[in-house]
């Protein structure tokens, strides 16, 4: 070892929240220790407050108009760009997932590769989901009757507690692929891959505020978000049974869409369930014109 190497100080990474395209510390100034599966210290993560949660909702709402109004093709390009950026930082995420979940490097690498592939999967669906869940409806009368999917709005997502990266990507990607914006609460015990994902999102053409990442005590942050009047839907995947029931009751106040927690094999084919979970259907009637002896006049 050279003299320079022997005297060099380690540069520890400061993990921050990702809100509105920026990297703030928690407004409370609080942090909590994150450890690996053996109890070894890894980093101090921001301990988000209710104020951080409200700020994230404001950022998500501000970004919703532009993101939902973008073309589906453009959203697909951006999701694919996220996969490209992740590929370039693959080694970092393999290390973080291995430490977070107590896995060997080879198993962690397989999960990271699957997460990258999942971004590509959902990138391909952005301009196809409308054909699957929308279409023309046959009606008795001189009308065109068309149903098209539209995003629900601002969605709160409780990320899976055990799958710190593949599960995380699997709940975020389908929500934004369909034009929603999201406030995600990272895995409480393993938040570092989620916080690092924010750094990737910031350099991948994704507009600020489309994805907002909070870390901290899930129950502390989720309650205010479930009751927030400007949140339109909530995914309870990362909640236990007791917390899920409390949040579902809170969410009923403004009739939020609720996706209840259920056992999931994150490595399996994701299907389209999560793509359609946070979509509304708009149906438009339009007269075809007068019907004459020679047929319809459009």
Foldseek 3Di string as FASTA:
>chain_A
DDPCVVPDDDDADDFAWAAQLDGHAAPVPDWDFAFFPVRHTRYTYHAHAQVLLVRLLVSQQVCQVVLQPDALLVLLQLLLLLLVLCVVVLVVQLVLQCRHQVHDSVVSSVLSVLLSVVSNVLSVCLNPVQVVPWDWDDDPAQKTKTKGKGFQEEEEEEFAQNRQGLSRSLQLNLNSSRRYAYEYEGRANRNVSVSVSSVSSSPRPNRGSSYTYDYHDCLRNLQSVLQDLSHAAYECQHPDPVSQVNSVVSNPPNDHQYHYHDDDDSSDDSPCCSNPSGIDMDMDIDGQCDADPVGTHD
